Amino acid sequence: MCRAVAPSLIDELTDWLRIPSISTGGGDPKDLARAADWVCERVEAAGGSAEPDTTYGGNPLAIGDLKAARADAPTVLIYGHYDVQAVGEESDWTTPPFEPDIRDGRIYARGAADDKGNFLPLLHVACELAREDRLPVNVRVVVEGEEEAGSEAVAKWIAADERGADCAVVFDGGMADENTPAVTVGLRGMVMVEIGVRTAPRDLHSGIYGGSVLNALHVLLGMLATVAPGPDGRPREELRAGITPPAPSELESWERLKPGDTVLSEVGGRPVTAAAGSEYYMRNGADAALEVNRITGGEPRTIVPATAQGTVSLRLAPRQDPAAIKEVMEGLLRSAIPDGAEVTLEWSLAEPALSDPESQPVKLAAEALGKACGVPTALVRTGGSIPAVAELINHGMPTVVSGFVLPDDAFHAPNESFSLRSLELGERSAHELYSALAKLA
């Protein structure tokens, strides 16, 4: 179904990937600004208007507009991010991370999959159609530079935006498998806490003081026990409040996906219960999940530790309220703190998001993606989070999340890449999407 990717798209992607727009530490603010300018220059060259926006602090947003060929066309907002993760050890890369290299049907560079290569077809096709006066929808362009570092500026921009759009399209997701396109209708939220415990000014001798004084690790473990999942791996019921069942159309889509037992075995995961594999898509898309991420403290010698630290994260299902769940979780943790222990709790919250799978934008997009890829589109949920998507949906904008990333792309890892086939699918899908979304009422 796919034609060869346009050479101009490859040239553009290669040019953008050369900019080391790292937002997670070690990056140069000038490079982040260059990456935002790069987006604006493409929009302006296509006859649109664009400029970097630093109104909300942080790294600049690239904000632009491209006009449709007809006056009464609907408006589509396209979102992506130009910032990338740090490269880690450059010696782990086969070729330098910011010198794009095409080999074996892939383009290798930091940001190739996440998110420059994934997003660029949306921008490239919109600009191409605008130059030819064939763009069927008005396109608002929003590309941020802090997705890997919290998305604070774009969240403020979305909250303040009064123009809106008939829908948003986000290419920052993946396919259901190497052949099946996906629309991600659900994103999980997060309640995360960093716990610090102190029980004495210094570590103490366990022979002289053990059993008579508080042990910081014992205090921490007692706190963690109050929120630990049950034998089936699910959080306690208080932490699952607000969960709603998925729509029938979602359940039907999940039946067509790779079996959950296979998903777990491919990464070497050992199921928490015998049913975890068969319940994979429900558990990781439509339920909450609590994990103890870190426990540190003490030393491998006979002491009573005076300090301990822990990290706990609770992934929230769509429709759960992070603030309300945080209050419940904090109450449970504090209930186990003994007199004399000094405890600090530092919280981070992220909203979940859920698009209506029966909405007109989602149905039109699913049909368009299926046409572009030659395989019916799956409606999926992801256990991860894209902060801007939650902001868009919760701001009342119908949002279509898709993309063409696959596990082999090694995003966030050394030798990140994006297949040329995925780039082709993205370009073809962008054409079909703009045509389909012109039908929005």
Protein backbone atom coordinates (compact mmCIF):
# COMPACT_ATOMS: atom_id res chain seq x y z
CA MET A 1 0.00 0.00 0.00
CA CYS A 2 2.93 2.36 0.62
CA ARG A 3 4.68 4.38 -2.03
CA ALA A 4 8.31 5.43 -1.63
CA VAL A 5 8.85 8.18 0.91
CA ALA A 6 9.33 11.62 -0.64
CA PRO A 7 13.02 12.56 -0.87
CA SER A 8 12.12 16.05 0.35
CA LEU A 9 10.69 14.54 3.54
CA ILE A 10 13.89 12.58 4.18
CA ASP A 11 15.96 15.71 3.52
CA GLU A 12 13.86 17.74 5.94
CA LEU A 13 14.03 15.10 8.64
CA THR A 14 17.78 14.74 8.27
CA ASP A 15 18.19 18.50 8.58
CA TRP A 16 16.02 18.70 11.72
CA LEU A 17 17.72 15.71 13.34
CA ARG A 18 21.10 17.44 13.08
CA ILE A 19 19.96 19.97 15.69
CA PRO A 20 20.86 18.58 19.16
CA SER A 21 17.71 19.85 20.86
CA ILE A 22 18.19 18.08 24.20
CA SER A 23 15.84 19.18 26.98
CA THR A 24 16.68 16.63 29.68
CA GLY A 25 20.02 18.03 30.80
CA GLY A 26 23.20 18.88 28.96
CA GLY A 27 21.49 20.59 26.04
CA ASP A 28 22.22 24.08 24.76
CA PRO A 29 19.27 26.54 24.89
CA LYS A 30 20.45 27.91 21.54
CA ASP A 31 19.92 24.51 19.93
CA LEU A 32 16.42 24.26 21.38
CA ALA A 33 15.64 27.69 19.94
CA ARG A 34 17.09 26.61 16.57
CA ALA A 35 14.77 23.58 16.51
CA ALA A 36 11.73 25.80 17.17
CA ASP A 37 12.87 28.26 14.50
CA TRP A 38 13.23 25.37 12.06
CA VAL A 39 9.53 24.57 12.43
CA CYS A 40 8.49 28.20 12.02
CA GLU A 41 10.61 28.60 8.89
CA ARG A 42 8.83 25.64 7.23
CA VAL A 43 5.41 27.06 7.97
CA GLU A 44 6.36 30.51 6.67
CA ALA A 45 7.93 29.05 3.52
CA ALA A 46 4.59 27.36 2.79
CA GLY A 47 2.76 30.70 2.94
CA GLY A 48 1.64 30.46 6.55
CA SER A 49 2.45 32.51 9.62
CA ALA A 50 4.56 31.29 12.53
CA GLU A 51 6.78 32.47 15.35
CA PRO A 52 8.49 31.09 18.44
CA ASP A 53 6.51 31.81 21.61
CA THR A 54 8.27 32.22 24.97
CA THR A 55 5.30 33.83 26.73
CA TYR A 56 4.98 30.95 29.17
CA GLY A 57 8.66 30.52 29.97
CA GLY A 58 10.82 27.51 29.34
CA ASN A 59 11.89 26.41 25.88
CA PRO A 60 10.15 28.19 22.99
CA LEU A 61 6.95 26.87 21.50
CA ALA A 62 6.74 26.87 17.71
CA ILE A 63 3.27 28.25 16.94
CA GLY A 64 1.96 28.58 13.38
CA ASP A 65 -1.04 28.67 11.07
CA LEU A 66 -1.67 27.36 7.56
CA LYS A 67 -4.86 28.36 5.77
CA ALA A 68 -7.15 25.96 3.95
CA ALA A 69 -7.97 26.28 0.27
CA ARG A 70 -11.64 26.97 1.13
CA ALA A 71 -12.96 29.56 3.56
CA ASP A 72 -15.42 27.34 5.44
CA ALA A 73 -12.97 24.50 6.17
CA PRO A 74 -12.68 23.07 9.69
CA THR A 75 -9.56 23.64 11.76
CA VAL A 76 -7.14 20.93 12.87
CA LEU A 77 -4.42 21.49 15.45
CA ILE A 78 -1.30 19.35 14.98
CA TYR A 79 0.99 18.77 17.94
CA GLY A 80 4.48 17.35 18.27
CA HIS A 81 7.70 18.02 20.15
CA TYR A 82 11.15 18.92 18.92
CA ASP A 83 13.01 18.24 22.17
CA VAL A 84 14.87 14.97 22.59
CA GLN A 85 16.42 12.88 25.33
CA ALA A 86 20.11 13.09 26.21
CA VAL A 87 22.28 10.64 24.29
CA GLY A 88 23.93 8.85 27.22
CA GLU A 89 27.31 7.35 26.38
CA GLU A 90 28.17 8.28 22.80
CA SER A 91 30.38 5.20 22.61
CA ASP A 92 27.17 3.11 22.74
CA TRP A 93 26.08 4.59 19.39
CA THR A 94 27.18 3.01 16.12
CA THR A 95 27.13 6.44 14.46
CA PRO A 96 27.08 9.88 16.13
CA PRO A 97 23.60 10.63 17.51
CA PHE A 98 23.23 13.96 15.73
CA GLU A 99 24.72 12.90 12.42
CA PRO A 100 21.75 11.08 10.86
CA ASP A 101 22.68 7.88 9.06
CA ILE A 102 20.44 5.82 6.80
CA ARG A 103 21.19 2.10 6.74
CA ASP A 104 19.16 -1.09 6.42
CA GLY A 105 15.95 0.82 5.77
CA ARG A 106 16.24 2.98 8.88
CA ILE A 107 17.36 6.49 9.75
CA TYR A 108 19.47 6.51 12.91
CA ALA A 109 19.70 9.60 15.14
CA ARG A 110 18.49 10.85 18.50
CA GLY A 111 14.91 12.02 17.96
CA ALA A 112 14.40 9.95 14.81
CA ALA A 113 11.39 8.20 16.36
CA ASP A 114 10.63 10.38 19.37
CA ASP A 115 9.32 12.65 18.04
CA LYS A 116 10.84 14.38 15.00
CA GLY A 117 10.43 11.52 12.53
CA ASN A 118 7.06 10.53 13.92
CA PHE A 119 5.59 14.05 13.85
CA LEU A 120 7.23 15.53 10.75
CA PRO A 121 4.92 13.92 8.14
CA LEU A 122 2.00 15.90 9.60
CA LEU A 123 3.88 19.16 9.16
CA HIS A 124 5.50 18.25 5.84
CA VAL A 125 2.23 17.24 4.15
CA ALA A 126 0.35 20.27 5.50
CA CYS A 127 3.04 22.61 4.14
CA GLU A 128 3.15 20.78 0.81
CA LEU A 129 -0.62 21.05 0.35
CA ALA A 130 -0.65 24.69 1.47
CA ARG A 131 2.01 25.62 -1.09
CA GLU A 132 -0.16 24.04 -3.78
CA ASP A 133 -3.33 25.72 -2.42
CA ARG A 134 -4.85 22.24 -1.84
CA LEU A 135 -4.93 22.11 1.96
CA PRO A 136 -8.46 20.85 2.84
CA VAL A 137 -8.40 22.04 6.48
CA ASN A 138 -6.97 24.98 8.37
CA VAL A 139 -3.95 23.75 10.30
CA ARG A 140 -2.74 25.17 13.59
CA VAL A 141 0.81 24.07 14.36
CA VAL A 142 1.97 23.61 17.97
CA VAL A 143 5.40 22.08 18.52
CA GLU A 144 6.88 22.19 22.00
CA GLY A 145 10.37 21.80 23.43
CA GLU A 146 9.69 20.35 26.87
CA GLU A 147 7.78 17.11 26.35
CA GLU A 148 10.69 15.14 27.74
CA ALA A 149 10.89 17.52 30.72
CA GLY A 150 7.33 18.14 31.90
CA SER A 151 5.49 20.14 29.18
CA GLU A 152 4.84 23.10 31.49
CA ALA A 153 4.89 25.82 28.82
CA VAL A 154 2.55 24.05 26.39
CA ALA A 155 0.14 23.24 29.23
CA LYS A 156 -0.10 26.94 30.02
CA TRP A 157 -0.51 27.75 26.32
CA ILE A 158 -3.38 25.26 25.93
CA ALA A 159 -5.10 26.54 29.07
CA ALA A 160 -4.92 30.13 27.78
CA ASP A 161 -5.88 29.35 24.17
CA GLU A 162 -9.28 30.70 23.18
CA ARG A 163 -9.23 29.92 19.43
CA GLY A 164 -9.42 26.17 19.77
CA ALA A 165 -9.86 23.78 16.85
CA ASP A 166 -12.35 21.22 15.62
CA CYS A 167 -9.90 18.53 16.65
CA ALA A 168 -6.24 17.92 17.40
CA VAL A 169 -3.98 15.32 15.78
CA VAL A 170 -0.92 14.06 17.63
CA PHE A 171 1.71 11.83 16.04
CA ASP A 172 3.64 10.87 19.18
CA GLY A 173 2.43 7.30 19.54
CA GLY A 174 2.97 3.92 18.00
CA MET A 175 1.37 1.24 15.88
CA ALA A 176 -0.51 -1.69 17.36
CA ASP A 177 1.97 -3.95 15.53
CA GLU A 178 4.22 -3.62 12.49
CA ASN A 179 1.23 -3.67 10.13
CA THR A 180 -1.69 -2.33 12.17
CA PRO A 181 -2.22 1.42 12.62
CA ALA A 182 -3.61 2.59 15.94
CA VAL A 183 -5.56 5.45 17.43
CA THR A 184 -4.71 5.79 21.10
CA VAL A 185 -7.92 6.82 22.84
CA GLY A 186 -6.72 6.46 26.44
CA LEU A 187 -3.65 7.67 28.32
CA ARG A 188 -3.02 6.88 31.96
CA GLY A 189 -2.29 9.56 34.52
CA MET A 190 0.10 9.41 37.45
CA VAL A 191 0.38 9.97 41.18
CA MET A 192 4.03 9.68 42.19
CA VAL A 193 5.66 10.26 45.57
CA GLU A 194 9.23 10.54 46.75
CA ILE A 195 9.44 9.43 50.40
CA GLY A 196 12.21 10.47 52.77
CA VAL A 197 12.54 9.03 56.28
CA ARG A 198 14.84 10.06 59.15
CA THR A 199 14.86 8.37 62.54
CA ALA A 200 18.14 9.58 64.10
CA PRO A 201 20.94 12.09 63.48
CA ARG A 202 23.23 9.24 62.35
CA ASP A 203 23.36 5.49 61.82
CA LEU A 204 23.62 3.55 65.09
CA HIS A 205 25.31 0.30 66.17
CA SER A 206 22.77 -2.51 65.82
CA GLY A 207 24.24 -4.55 68.68
CA ILE A 208 24.04 -1.72 71.19
CA TYR A 209 20.86 0.03 69.98
CA GLY A 210 19.01 -2.42 67.72
CA GLY A 211 15.51 -3.30 68.87
CA SER A 212 15.35 -0.15 71.03
CA VAL A 213 15.43 2.61 68.41
CA LEU A 214 13.53 3.28 65.20
CA ASN A 215 15.02 1.85 62.02
CA ALA A 216 14.38 4.14 59.01
CA LEU A 217 14.10 1.21 56.60
CA HIS A 218 11.57 -0.51 58.85
CA VAL A 219 9.50 2.70 58.88
CA LEU A 220 9.68 2.97 55.10
CA LEU A 221 8.72 -0.67 54.56
CA GLY A 222 5.78 -0.28 56.92
CA MET A 223 4.55 2.73 54.94
CA LEU A 224 4.91 0.89 51.64
CA ALA A 225 2.94 -2.05 53.01
CA THR A 226 -0.13 0.19 53.37
CA VAL A 227 -0.31 0.79 49.60
CA ALA A 228 1.19 -2.44 48.26
CA PRO A 229 -0.86 -4.29 45.59
CA GLY A 230 -2.70 -7.47 46.47
CA PRO A 231 -1.72 -10.98 45.32
CA ASP A 232 -3.39 -10.36 41.95
CA GLY A 233 -1.12 -7.36 41.28
CA ARG A 234 -3.95 -4.82 41.41
CA PRO A 235 -3.92 -1.83 43.78
CA ARG A 236 -6.26 -1.82 46.74
CA GLU A 237 -9.80 -0.69 45.91
CA GLU A 238 -9.46 2.81 47.40
CA LEU A 239 -6.76 3.54 44.84
CA ARG A 240 -8.90 2.29 41.95
CA ALA A 241 -11.77 4.72 42.60
CA GLY A 242 -13.24 6.28 39.46
CA ILE A 243 -12.28 3.58 36.99
CA THR A 244 -14.82 3.11 34.19
CA PRO A 245 -15.03 0.16 31.75
CA PRO A 246 -13.79 0.53 28.17
CA ALA A 247 -16.20 0.94 25.27
CA PRO A 248 -17.30 -2.12 23.27
CA SER A 249 -15.44 -0.81 20.20
CA GLU A 250 -12.22 -0.79 22.22
CA LEU A 251 -12.73 -4.32 23.48
CA GLU A 252 -13.30 -5.49 19.91
CA SER A 253 -10.04 -3.84 18.83
CA TRP A 254 -8.09 -5.47 21.64
CA GLU A 255 -9.24 -8.90 20.46
CA ARG A 256 -7.33 -8.26 17.21
CA LEU A 257 -4.05 -7.35 18.93
CA LYS A 258 -1.10 -9.55 19.79
CA PRO A 259 -1.96 -11.84 22.73
CA GLY A 260 -0.98 -10.33 26.06
CA ASP A 261 0.98 -13.44 27.08
CA THR A 262 3.15 -12.89 24.01
CA VAL A 263 3.64 -9.21 24.84
CA LEU A 264 4.93 -10.14 28.30
CA SER A 265 7.12 -13.02 27.16
CA GLU A 266 8.81 -10.92 24.48
CA VAL A 267 10.32 -8.68 27.16
CA GLY A 268 11.03 -11.50 29.58
CA GLY A 269 8.33 -10.39 32.01
CA ARG A 270 6.99 -12.92 34.48
CA PRO A 271 3.21 -12.60 34.93
CA VAL A 272 2.12 -11.55 38.42
CA THR A 273 -0.76 -14.06 38.18
CA ALA A 274 -1.71 -16.74 35.66
CA ALA A 275 -4.41 -14.45 34.24
CA ALA A 276 -2.21 -11.36 33.83
CA GLY A 277 -1.34 -12.10 30.20
CA SER A 278 -4.92 -12.63 29.05
CA GLU A 279 -5.90 -9.46 30.94
CA TYR A 280 -2.93 -7.43 29.68
CA TYR A 281 -4.79 -4.79 27.64
CA MET A 282 -7.38 -4.26 30.37
CA ARG A 283 -4.76 -4.07 33.12
CA ASN A 284 -2.38 -1.74 31.32
CA GLY A 285 -4.88 0.50 29.59
CA ALA A 286 -8.04 0.60 31.67
CA ASP A 287 -6.91 -0.07 35.23
CA ALA A 288 -4.61 1.47 37.83
CA ALA A 289 -1.19 -0.02 38.61
CA LEU A 290 1.02 0.70 41.62
CA GLU A 291 4.74 0.03 41.58
CA VAL A 292 7.45 0.53 44.17
CA ASN A 293 10.17 2.00 41.96
CA ARG A 294 12.99 2.45 44.47
CA ILE A 295 14.04 1.65 48.04
CA THR A 296 17.42 2.90 49.29
CA GLY A 297 19.08 3.13 52.68
CA GLY A 298 21.48 1.47 55.03
CA GLU A 299 24.75 -0.32 54.35
CA PRO A 300 25.86 -3.98 54.27
CA ARG A 301 27.08 -3.91 57.87
CA THR A 302 25.58 -4.08 61.35
CA ILE A 303 23.88 -0.71 61.68
CA VAL A 304 20.44 0.70 62.39
CA PRO A 305 19.89 2.97 59.37
CA ALA A 306 19.00 6.55 60.27
CA THR A 307 17.69 7.44 56.80
CA ALA A 308 15.80 5.75 53.98
CA GLN A 309 14.28 6.84 50.68
CA GLY A 310 11.61 5.36 48.47
CA THR A 311 9.72 6.13 45.29
CA VAL A 312 6.21 4.92 44.56
CA SER A 313 4.21 5.54 41.39
CA LEU A 314 0.56 4.85 40.79
CA ARG A 315 -0.57 4.84 37.16
CA LEU A 316 -4.15 6.09 36.95
CA ALA A 317 -6.79 4.80 34.58
CA PRO A 318 -8.74 7.33 32.49
CA ARG A 319 -11.45 9.10 34.52
CA GLN A 320 -9.58 8.77 37.82
CA ASP A 321 -8.95 12.01 39.73
CA PRO A 322 -5.24 12.47 40.57
CA ALA A 323 -5.88 14.95 43.39
CA ALA A 324 -8.47 12.73 45.07
CA ILE A 325 -6.33 9.59 44.72
CA LYS A 326 -3.32 11.46 46.09
CA GLU A 327 -5.25 12.32 49.25
CA VAL A 328 -6.22 8.67 49.77
CA MET A 329 -2.69 7.46 49.10
CA GLU A 330 -1.18 10.04 51.45
CA GLY A 331 -3.59 9.05 54.22
CA LEU A 332 -2.58 5.40 53.88
CA LEU A 333 1.14 6.17 53.94
CA ARG A 334 0.91 8.52 56.92
CA SER A 335 -1.15 6.02 58.91
CA ALA A 336 1.97 3.86 59.29
CA ILE A 337 4.38 6.56 60.49
CA PRO A 338 5.39 5.91 64.12
CA ASP A 339 6.02 8.63 66.66
CA GLY A 340 9.54 9.96 66.40
CA ALA A 341 10.02 9.37 62.67
CA GLU A 342 10.52 12.41 60.46
CA VAL A 343 8.96 11.83 57.03
CA THR A 344 8.83 14.00 53.91
CA LEU A 345 6.52 13.33 50.96
CA GLU A 346 7.11 15.06 47.61
CA TRP A 347 4.28 14.54 45.12
CA SER A 348 3.97 14.70 41.34
CA LEU A 349 0.59 14.42 39.61
CA ALA A 350 -0.42 13.98 35.96
CA GLU A 351 -3.94 13.87 34.57
CA PRO A 352 -5.20 10.82 32.64
CA ALA A 353 -7.05 11.34 29.37
CA LEU A 354 -9.72 9.52 27.40
CA SER A 355 -11.10 10.31 23.94
CA ASP A 356 -14.56 9.17 22.95
CA PRO A 357 -13.98 6.26 20.53
CA GLU A 358 -17.38 7.00 18.96
CA SER A 359 -16.61 10.68 18.30
CA GLN A 360 -16.56 11.91 14.71
CA PRO A 361 -12.84 12.85 14.70
CA VAL A 362 -11.77 9.44 16.03
CA LYS A 363 -13.98 7.53 13.61
CA LEU A 364 -12.84 9.62 10.62
CA ALA A 365 -9.21 9.25 11.65
CA ALA A 366 -9.48 5.49 12.16
CA GLU A 367 -10.98 5.11 8.69
CA ALA A 368 -8.27 7.31 7.14
CA LEU A 369 -5.40 5.46 8.83
CA GLY A 370 -6.85 2.11 7.80
CA LYS A 371 -7.07 3.30 4.22
CA ALA A 372 -3.49 4.58 4.27
CA CYS A 373 -2.02 1.41 5.75
CA GLY A 374 -4.31 -1.22 4.23
CA VAL A 375 -5.18 -2.73 7.62
CA PRO A 376 -8.14 -1.81 9.87
CA THR A 377 -7.16 0.60 12.63
CA ALA A 378 -7.05 -0.61 16.23
CA LEU A 379 -8.35 1.53 19.07
CA VAL A 380 -5.84 1.20 21.89
CA ARG A 381 -4.88 2.65 25.22
CA THR A 382 -1.37 3.20 26.47
CA GLY A 383 0.01 2.86 29.95
CA GLY A 384 2.24 5.88 29.40
CA SER A 385 1.48 9.57 29.45
CA ILE A 386 1.74 12.51 27.03
CA PRO A 387 1.07 15.59 29.16
CA ALA A 388 -0.08 17.81 26.28
CA VAL A 389 -2.65 15.25 25.14
CA ALA A 390 -4.29 15.20 28.56
CA GLU A 391 -4.33 19.01 28.52
CA LEU A 392 -5.95 19.10 25.06
CA ILE A 393 -8.63 16.53 25.88
CA ASN A 394 -9.38 17.99 29.29
CA HIS A 395 -9.56 21.44 27.66
CA GLY A 396 -12.45 20.10 25.59
CA MET A 397 -10.68 19.47 22.28
CA PRO A 398 -11.35 16.13 20.53
CA THR A 399 -7.90 14.61 20.08
CA VAL A 400 -6.61 11.86 17.81
CA VAL A 401 -3.37 10.28 19.01
CA SER A 402 -1.54 8.07 16.54
CA GLY A 403 1.93 7.51 15.14
CA PHE A 404 4.20 4.89 13.68
CA VAL A 405 6.79 4.08 16.35
CA LEU A 406 7.60 0.39 16.93
CA PRO A 407 9.57 -1.34 19.72
CA ASP A 408 12.61 -1.82 17.47
CA ASP A 409 13.00 1.96 17.19
CA ALA A 410 14.87 2.09 20.54
CA PHE A 411 13.56 5.52 21.46
CA HIS A 412 15.23 6.93 24.60
CA ALA A 413 18.04 4.40 24.08
CA PRO A 414 21.34 4.37 22.14
CA ASN A 415 20.98 3.88 18.38
CA GLU A 416 17.46 5.30 18.25
CA SER A 417 16.04 4.93 14.75
CA PHE A 418 12.89 5.22 12.67
CA SER A 419 12.14 2.96 9.75
CA LEU A 420 11.68 4.50 6.32
CA ARG A 421 8.55 2.37 6.03
CA SER A 422 7.14 4.11 9.11
CA LEU A 423 8.00 7.46 7.55
CA GLU A 424 6.15 6.40 4.39
CA LEU A 425 3.12 5.33 6.41
CA GLY A 426 3.18 8.63 8.28
CA GLU A 427 3.27 10.66 5.07
CA ARG A 428 0.51 8.64 3.44
CA SER A 429 -1.62 8.78 6.58
CA ALA A 430 -1.22 12.55 6.88
CA HIS A 431 -2.66 12.96 3.37
CA GLU A 432 -5.61 10.71 4.18
CA LEU A 433 -6.20 12.35 7.56
CA TYR A 434 -6.39 15.90 6.24
CA SER A 435 -8.79 14.78 3.52
CA ALA A 436 -10.99 12.85 5.98
CA LEU A 437 -11.04 15.56 8.64
CA ALA A 438 -12.29 18.08 6.07
CA LYS A 439 -15.66 16.33 6.61
CA LEU A 440 -15.87 17.44 10.25
CA ALA A 441 -19.21 19.05 10.96
